[in-house]
Amino acid sequence: MKGARGLSEERKVPRILIVEDEDHLATGLKLNLELEGYEADVASTAREAAELLLEATRYDAIVLDVMLPDFDGFSLCAKLRQSGNYTPVIMLTARAAAEDRVRGLEAGADDYLVKPFDLNELLARVRSVLRRRQWDLGKEKEERAGSRTVAIGEARVDFDSHEVIVRGSPVKLTRLELDLLRYFVDHPGKVLSRDTLLEEVWKLRNYSTARTVDNFISRLRRHFEKDAQNPEHFVSVRGAGYKFVP
């Protein structure tokens, strides 16, 4: 097994972790991901997934079911983010309620897909998070070459160290939150549509809903605005999108 993983790393084949307790679904996902050219491992419980994630092998994405036999995917995702693991996570769930989708995103998930789902859509979303993963790695190289620290109201953000200090206290942002924040900082005063943000930050085109952007804007406002209900920095532009005001 170690030899296979070493070969995978040399060839830079994306490796996906599937966390799913339904055997038939996990087997089908593994087969289709491998047919796409990826390597895939399967964990049927959150504990098994945690053990795999502690190994030296680096996963490029995680397909995570919410309803697991030991504890739920929300908790696992949140623990990953708290530990500093920002591997892209696509959550799968039979729960379609809006509050569940919001909870998944707030736990640190990068995307959320409701069962039953279309296989082609899942594969497209996997490709999307992998593209963003490669973009992140490229950005890390740029940041090491020369990053900058910015002030946003009472907050200070160091994009090189990923350190965020708000009113003297450290705040942890997910990698996707940092990506979105940096895109705004790089385009001050410019009105950015939801479609533009989805394409440039999420690397998604023709996405079915822009609600994902709204949820992430709300999260940035909670961190950086004095009054999230009356934002001064992340301003809504009616019918057009959002504008960042330094």
Protein backbone atom coordinates (compact mmCIF):
# COMPACT_ATOMS: atom_id res chain seq x y z
CA MET A 1 0.00 0.00 0.00
CA LYS A 2 2.82 2.37 0.88
CA GLY A 3 4.49 1.68 -2.44
CA ALA A 4 1.28 2.52 -4.30
CA ARG A 5 0.89 5.76 -2.40
CA GLY A 6 4.49 6.74 -3.03
CA LEU A 7 3.96 6.19 -6.74
CA SER A 8 0.79 8.28 -6.57
CA GLU A 9 2.71 11.18 -5.06
CA GLU A 10 5.47 10.94 -7.68
CA ARG A 11 2.93 11.08 -10.48
CA LYS A 12 0.90 13.73 -8.67
CA VAL A 13 -2.32 11.79 -9.17
CA PRO A 14 -5.08 13.48 -7.13
CA ARG A 15 -6.14 11.30 -4.20
CA ILE A 16 -9.69 11.48 -2.85
CA LEU A 17 -10.95 10.28 0.52
CA ILE A 18 -14.57 9.06 0.47
CA VAL A 19 -16.23 9.00 3.91
CA GLU A 20 -19.48 7.09 3.40
CA ASP A 21 -21.08 4.25 5.37
CA GLU A 22 -23.41 3.03 2.61
CA ASP A 23 -21.32 0.30 0.97
CA HIS A 24 -22.97 0.40 -2.44
CA LEU A 25 -22.64 4.19 -2.68
CA ALA A 26 -19.04 4.21 -1.45
CA THR A 27 -18.10 1.46 -3.92
CA GLY A 28 -19.79 3.30 -6.79
CA LEU A 29 -18.09 6.58 -5.94
CA LYS A 30 -14.69 4.92 -5.66
CA LEU A 31 -15.13 3.18 -9.02
CA ASN A 32 -16.23 6.35 -10.82
CA LEU A 33 -13.50 8.50 -9.29
CA GLU A 34 -10.92 5.94 -10.35
CA LEU A 35 -12.40 5.89 -13.86
CA GLU A 36 -11.83 9.66 -13.88
CA GLY A 37 -8.14 9.01 -13.24
CA TYR A 38 -8.04 9.71 -9.49
CA GLU A 39 -6.98 7.44 -6.65
CA ALA A 40 -9.56 6.91 -3.93
CA ASP A 41 -9.72 5.52 -0.40
CA VAL A 42 -12.91 4.73 1.51
CA ALA A 43 -13.69 5.19 5.21
CA SER A 44 -17.04 4.07 6.60
CA THR A 45 -16.82 5.98 9.90
CA ALA A 46 -15.53 9.35 11.05
CA ARG A 47 -12.92 7.66 13.25
CA GLU A 48 -11.61 5.61 10.35
CA ALA A 49 -11.43 8.78 8.25
CA ALA A 50 -9.53 10.59 11.03
CA GLU A 51 -6.98 7.75 11.16
CA LEU A 52 -6.42 7.93 7.39
CA LEU A 53 -6.06 11.70 7.55
CA LEU A 54 -3.37 11.36 10.23
CA GLU A 55 -1.22 9.26 7.91
CA ALA A 56 1.55 10.81 5.86
CA THR A 57 -0.49 10.56 2.66
CA ARG A 58 -1.89 13.91 1.61
CA TYR A 59 -5.43 13.91 0.27
CA ASP A 60 -6.42 16.44 -2.34
CA ALA A 61 -10.17 16.36 -1.57
CA ILE A 62 -12.66 14.70 0.76
CA VAL A 63 -16.18 13.56 -0.16
CA LEU A 64 -17.88 13.50 3.24
CA ASP A 65 -21.28 12.08 4.17
CA VAL A 66 -23.08 13.92 6.96
CA MET A 67 -24.84 10.92 8.54
CA LEU A 68 -22.15 8.56 9.84
CA PRO A 69 -22.52 5.77 12.43
CA ASP A 70 -20.16 7.25 15.06
CA PHE A 71 -20.49 11.04 14.75
CA ASP A 72 -21.69 13.38 12.04
CA GLY A 73 -19.77 14.88 9.15
CA PHE A 74 -20.35 18.42 10.43
CA SER A 75 -18.28 17.58 13.52
CA LEU A 76 -15.53 15.87 11.54
CA CYS A 77 -15.25 18.81 9.13
CA ALA A 78 -15.12 21.31 11.99
CA LYS A 79 -12.40 19.29 13.76
CA LEU A 80 -10.34 19.17 10.58
CA ARG A 81 -10.49 22.94 10.22
CA GLN A 82 -9.69 23.49 13.90
CA SER A 83 -6.60 21.30 13.52
CA GLY A 84 -5.39 23.32 10.54
CA ASN A 85 -6.36 20.78 7.85
CA TYR A 86 -7.87 22.71 4.93
CA THR A 87 -8.27 19.87 2.44
CA PRO A 88 -11.32 20.72 0.28
CA VAL A 89 -14.49 19.02 1.56
CA ILE A 90 -17.62 18.23 -0.45
CA MET A 91 -20.45 17.23 1.88
CA LEU A 92 -23.09 14.68 0.90
CA THR A 93 -26.37 14.51 2.74
CA ALA A 94 -30.00 13.51 2.43
CA ARG A 95 -30.92 16.63 4.42
CA ALA A 96 -31.97 19.38 2.03
CA ALA A 97 -33.01 22.02 4.57
CA ALA A 98 -31.32 25.40 4.08
CA GLU A 99 -30.12 25.46 7.68
CA ASP A 100 -28.25 22.18 7.11
CA ARG A 101 -26.51 23.58 4.04
CA VAL A 102 -25.53 26.67 6.01
CA ARG A 103 -24.33 24.51 8.91
CA GLY A 104 -22.14 22.50 6.53
CA LEU A 105 -20.55 25.62 5.07
CA GLU A 106 -20.04 27.12 8.51
CA ALA A 107 -18.30 23.92 9.61
CA GLY A 108 -15.78 24.63 6.87
CA ALA A 109 -17.09 22.62 3.92
CA ASP A 110 -16.27 23.93 0.46
CA ASP A 111 -19.37 22.54 -1.23
CA TYR A 112 -22.60 20.72 -0.37
CA LEU A 113 -24.55 18.19 -2.43
CA VAL A 114 -27.95 16.74 -1.51
CA LYS A 115 -28.76 13.06 -2.07
CA PRO A 116 -29.88 11.73 -4.46
CA PHE A 117 -27.40 13.57 -6.64
CA ASP A 118 -26.35 13.37 -10.25
CA LEU A 119 -23.00 11.61 -10.62
CA ASN A 120 -21.81 14.01 -13.31
CA GLU A 121 -22.52 16.95 -11.01
CA LEU A 122 -20.49 15.37 -8.21
CA LEU A 123 -17.58 14.69 -10.57
CA ALA A 124 -17.76 18.30 -11.81
CA ARG A 125 -17.62 19.58 -8.24
CA VAL A 126 -14.65 17.33 -7.48
CA ARG A 127 -12.86 18.74 -10.53
CA SER A 128 -13.73 22.23 -9.33
CA VAL A 129 -12.27 21.82 -5.82
CA LEU A 130 -9.17 20.16 -7.28
CA ARG A 131 -8.65 23.11 -9.63
CA ARG A 132 -8.96 25.42 -6.68
CA ARG A 133 -6.50 23.23 -4.75
CA GLN A 134 -3.92 23.68 -7.50
CA TRP A 135 -4.64 27.40 -7.55
CA ASP A 136 -4.09 27.50 -3.77
CA LEU A 137 -0.71 25.80 -4.11
CA GLY A 138 0.26 28.34 -6.75
CA LYS A 139 -0.89 31.19 -4.52
CA GLU A 140 1.20 29.79 -1.65
CA LYS A 141 4.30 30.07 -3.83
CA GLU A 142 3.38 33.65 -4.71
CA GLU A 143 2.78 34.49 -1.07
CA ARG A 144 6.16 33.10 -0.06
CA ALA A 145 7.75 35.26 -2.77
CA GLY A 146 6.13 38.42 -1.43
CA SER A 147 2.93 38.73 0.53
CA ARG A 148 1.35 41.62 2.34
CA THR A 149 -0.51 42.46 5.47
CA VAL A 150 -3.72 44.47 5.25
CA ALA A 151 -5.90 46.24 7.78
CA ILE A 152 -9.68 45.96 7.56
CA GLY A 153 -11.35 48.11 10.17
CA GLU A 154 -10.14 46.80 13.53
CA ALA A 155 -8.70 43.65 11.96
CA ARG A 156 -5.24 42.81 10.65
CA VAL A 157 -4.81 40.06 8.07
CA ASP A 158 -1.46 38.52 7.14
CA PHE A 159 -2.03 36.49 3.97
CA ASP A 160 1.42 34.93 4.21
CA SER A 161 1.02 33.37 7.65
CA HIS A 162 -2.80 33.16 7.39
CA GLU A 163 -2.92 35.03 10.68
CA VAL A 164 -6.06 37.08 11.32
CA ILE A 165 -6.32 39.32 14.39
CA VAL A 166 -9.64 41.03 15.12
CA ARG A 167 -9.73 43.53 17.98
CA GLY A 168 -6.65 41.89 19.51
CA SER A 169 -7.94 38.32 19.32
CA PRO A 170 -6.92 35.65 16.78
CA VAL A 171 -9.61 34.42 14.40
CA LYS A 172 -9.36 31.28 12.28
CA LEU A 173 -10.58 31.52 8.71
CA THR A 174 -10.95 28.60 6.33
CA ARG A 175 -8.77 28.65 3.23
CA LEU A 176 -11.82 29.46 1.11
CA GLU A 177 -12.71 32.39 3.35
CA LEU A 178 -9.14 33.68 2.98
CA ASP A 179 -9.31 33.24 -0.80
CA LEU A 180 -12.55 35.21 -0.97
CA LEU A 181 -11.15 37.90 1.35
CA ARG A 182 -7.99 38.23 -0.72
CA TYR A 183 -9.97 38.54 -3.93
CA PHE A 184 -11.93 41.43 -2.42
CA VAL A 185 -8.74 43.06 -1.14
CA ASP A 186 -7.20 42.76 -4.62
CA HIS A 187 -10.26 44.51 -6.15
CA PRO A 188 -11.09 47.40 -3.78
CA GLY A 189 -14.09 49.52 -4.72
CA LYS A 190 -15.04 47.27 -7.63
CA VAL A 191 -18.55 45.84 -7.82
CA LEU A 192 -18.20 42.06 -8.10
CA SER A 193 -21.13 39.93 -9.18
CA ARG A 194 -21.89 36.60 -7.52
CA ASP A 195 -21.12 34.83 -10.81
CA THR A 196 -17.72 36.52 -10.96
CA LEU A 197 -16.91 35.47 -7.39
CA LEU A 198 -18.05 31.89 -8.02
CA GLU A 199 -15.88 31.69 -11.12
CA GLU A 200 -12.78 33.45 -9.78
CA VAL A 201 -12.75 32.17 -6.19
CA TRP A 202 -14.68 28.90 -6.29
CA LYS A 203 -13.60 28.14 -9.90
CA LEU A 204 -17.23 27.28 -10.73
CA ARG A 205 -19.01 28.30 -13.91
CA ASN A 206 -22.77 28.26 -14.47
CA TYR A 207 -23.33 27.24 -10.86
CA SER A 208 -26.97 26.62 -10.01
CA THR A 209 -27.16 28.93 -7.00
CA ALA A 210 -25.41 32.04 -5.78
CA ARG A 211 -26.54 31.45 -2.19
CA THR A 212 -23.10 30.00 -1.43
CA VAL A 213 -21.55 33.44 -2.01
CA ASP A 214 -24.10 35.12 0.24
CA ASN A 215 -23.34 32.67 3.05
CA PHE A 216 -19.61 33.35 2.84
CA ILE A 217 -20.13 37.12 2.73
CA SER A 218 -22.20 36.81 5.91
CA ARG A 219 -19.30 34.97 7.55
CA LEU A 220 -16.80 37.67 6.57
CA ARG A 221 -19.13 40.34 7.88
CA ARG A 222 -19.42 38.59 11.24
CA HIS A 223 -15.63 38.63 11.54
CA PHE A 224 -14.77 42.05 10.16
CA GLU A 225 -17.74 44.39 10.55
CA LYS A 226 -18.57 46.31 13.71
CA ASP A 227 -22.22 45.72 12.87
CA ALA A 228 -22.82 42.82 10.50
CA GLN A 229 -26.34 44.11 9.78
CA ASN A 230 -24.96 47.46 8.62
CA PRO A 231 -21.72 46.57 6.86
CA GLU A 232 -19.11 49.20 6.02
CA HIS A 233 -16.53 47.00 4.26
CA PHE A 234 -18.44 44.22 2.49
CA VAL A 235 -21.24 46.22 0.95
CA SER A 236 -24.19 44.84 -1.03
CA VAL A 237 -24.88 46.56 -4.34
CA ARG A 238 -28.51 45.95 -5.16
CA GLY A 239 -28.98 43.85 -8.27
CA ALA A 240 -25.23 43.74 -8.98
CA GLY A 241 -23.30 41.94 -6.25
CA TYR A 242 -20.84 43.09 -3.60
CA LYS A 243 -18.17 45.76 -3.20
CA PHE A 244 -15.23 45.83 -0.80
CA VAL A 245 -14.59 49.19 0.83
CA PRO A 246 -11.17 49.25 2.59
